[in-house]
Structures are given as C-alpha cells and as structure tokens.
C-alpha cells in the first residue's frame, strides 16, 4: 500500500495498526484539512465508504442530515422527495 501513488485530491488511506478497534483498522480520509474519516477492516472497504459518501454529496443529499432540525430538513425533503414522487395537485395541497 505505501508504494502506490494516489492522484491529487484522492485523500489518504492509512493502516491504524493491529491495536485499532475491530472493523476499523484502515482509515480513508477526505482530502483537505480536517477531512472526514471513514473506517473499515480493509483499505478497499474504507475507500468504498468514502466514495459512497462523496457520491451522496454530489447527489445533493446534505452532509449533516442526522443533525438537521425538522425546520431545516423539511424544505429539502419536500423539494427532493415529495415533489418528485407525487402528482402536482397532491404536492400543491
């Protein structure tokens, strides 16, 4: 793993060692300062989790959905979930 070159902006993957908690031996970080970390038992799983997260961000899903209040999340939910799944007349009511 240390011999492989990564592309610019790809982030970091590191081995946390055998003393790491079970299932989180490898860490894949987002590029940039203070990047979010993703953990997995293998480097491939850690990187896959990071890539799925990046895909969600590109799809317009807010990063901190679990920390949003109802007032913050409701407009997003109405526009991106309800509006595309119901008839226009239902959405207007």
Protein backbone atom coordinates (compact mmCIF):
# COMPACT_ATOMS: atom_id res chain seq x y z
CA UNK A 1 0.00 0.00 0.00
CA UNK A 2 2.72 2.63 0.74
CA UNK A 3 4.26 2.12 -2.74
CA UNK A 4 1.09 3.12 -4.58
CA UNK A 5 0.80 6.74 -5.74
CA UNK A 6 -2.54 8.45 -5.35
CA UNK A 7 -3.92 11.12 -7.65
CA UNK A 8 -4.18 14.69 -6.47
CA UNK A 9 -7.29 15.19 -4.32
CA UNK A 10 -7.78 11.48 -3.73
CA UNK A 11 -7.26 11.63 0.02
CA UNK A 12 -5.30 9.40 2.37
CA UNK A 13 -5.58 5.72 3.27
CA UNK A 14 -3.61 4.50 6.26
CA UNK A 15 -3.23 1.39 8.38
CA UNK A 16 -4.09 2.16 12.00
CA UNK A 17 -2.33 -0.97 13.22
CA UNK A 18 -3.49 -4.13 14.98
CA UNK A 19 -4.47 -2.23 18.14
CA UNK A 20 -7.26 -0.35 16.30
CA UNK A 21 -10.86 -1.20 17.26
CA UNK A 22 -12.27 -4.26 15.45
CA UNK A 23 -13.61 -3.46 12.00
CA UNK A 24 -11.79 -0.13 11.77
CA UNK A 25 -8.16 -0.98 11.16
CA UNK A 26 -7.91 1.12 7.99
CA UNK A 27 -8.81 4.80 7.70
CA UNK A 28 -9.64 6.63 4.45
CA UNK A 29 -9.73 10.41 4.78
CA UNK A 30 -11.26 13.03 2.53
CA UNK A 31 -8.67 15.38 1.03
CA UNK A 32 -8.05 18.75 2.66
CA UNK A 33 -7.65 19.98 6.18
CA UNK A 34 -9.98 18.45 8.74
CA UNK A 35 -11.33 15.94 6.23
CA UNK A 36 -13.94 13.40 7.30
CA UNK A 37 -12.61 9.91 8.08
CA UNK A 38 -14.08 6.56 7.03
CA UNK A 39 -13.04 3.28 8.61
CA UNK A 40 -13.10 -0.35 7.55
CA UNK A 41 -11.44 -3.74 8.15
CA UNK A 42 -9.68 -3.48 4.74
CA UNK A 43 -8.44 -0.49 2.73
CA UNK A 44 -10.90 -1.29 -0.05
CA UNK A 45 -13.91 -1.13 2.29
CA UNK A 46 -12.73 2.15 3.85
CA UNK A 47 -12.24 3.73 0.41
CA UNK A 48 -15.62 2.36 -0.77
CA UNK A 49 -17.36 4.01 2.20
CA UNK A 50 -15.60 7.31 1.42
CA UNK A 51 -16.62 7.10 -2.26
CA UNK A 52 -20.27 6.36 -1.39
CA UNK A 53 -20.27 9.41 0.86
CA UNK A 54 -18.81 11.58 -1.92
CA UNK A 55 -21.47 10.27 -4.31
CA UNK A 56 -24.20 11.23 -1.84
CA UNK A 57 -22.78 14.74 -1.63
CA UNK A 58 -22.75 15.03 -5.43
CA UNK A 59 -26.38 13.84 -5.48
CA UNK A 60 -27.49 16.77 -3.35
CA UNK A 61 -28.03 14.95 -0.06
CA UNK A 62 -26.92 17.26 2.75
CA UNK A 63 -23.86 16.16 4.72
CA UNK A 64 -25.38 16.54 8.16
CA UNK A 65 -28.89 15.15 7.65
CA UNK A 66 -28.75 13.39 11.02
CA UNK A 67 -28.03 16.70 12.79
CA UNK A 68 -30.62 18.80 10.97
CA UNK A 69 -33.71 20.07 12.74
CA UNK A 70 -37.16 19.45 11.29
CA UNK A 71 -37.35 23.09 10.17
CA UNK A 72 -34.05 22.74 8.30
CA UNK A 73 -34.78 19.35 6.74
CA UNK A 74 -38.45 19.83 5.75
CA UNK A 75 -37.89 22.13 2.71
CA UNK A 76 -35.21 19.76 1.38
CA UNK A 77 -37.49 16.74 1.87
CA UNK A 78 -40.48 18.41 0.23
CA UNK A 79 -38.49 19.52 -2.82
CA UNK A 80 -36.39 16.40 -3.39
CA UNK A 81 -38.61 13.57 -2.18
CA UNK A 82 -42.26 14.52 -2.14
CA UNK A 83 -42.35 16.71 -5.23
CA UNK A 84 -40.77 14.07 -7.47
CA UNK A 85 -42.89 11.18 -6.14
CA UNK A 86 -46.43 12.59 -6.10
CA UNK A 87 -48.76 14.22 -8.59
CA UNK A 88 -48.53 18.01 -8.91
CA UNK A 89 -52.04 18.51 -7.49
CA UNK A 90 -51.12 16.48 -4.40
CA UNK A 91 -47.94 18.49 -3.89
CA UNK A 92 -49.87 21.78 -4.04
CA UNK A 93 -52.19 20.73 -1.23
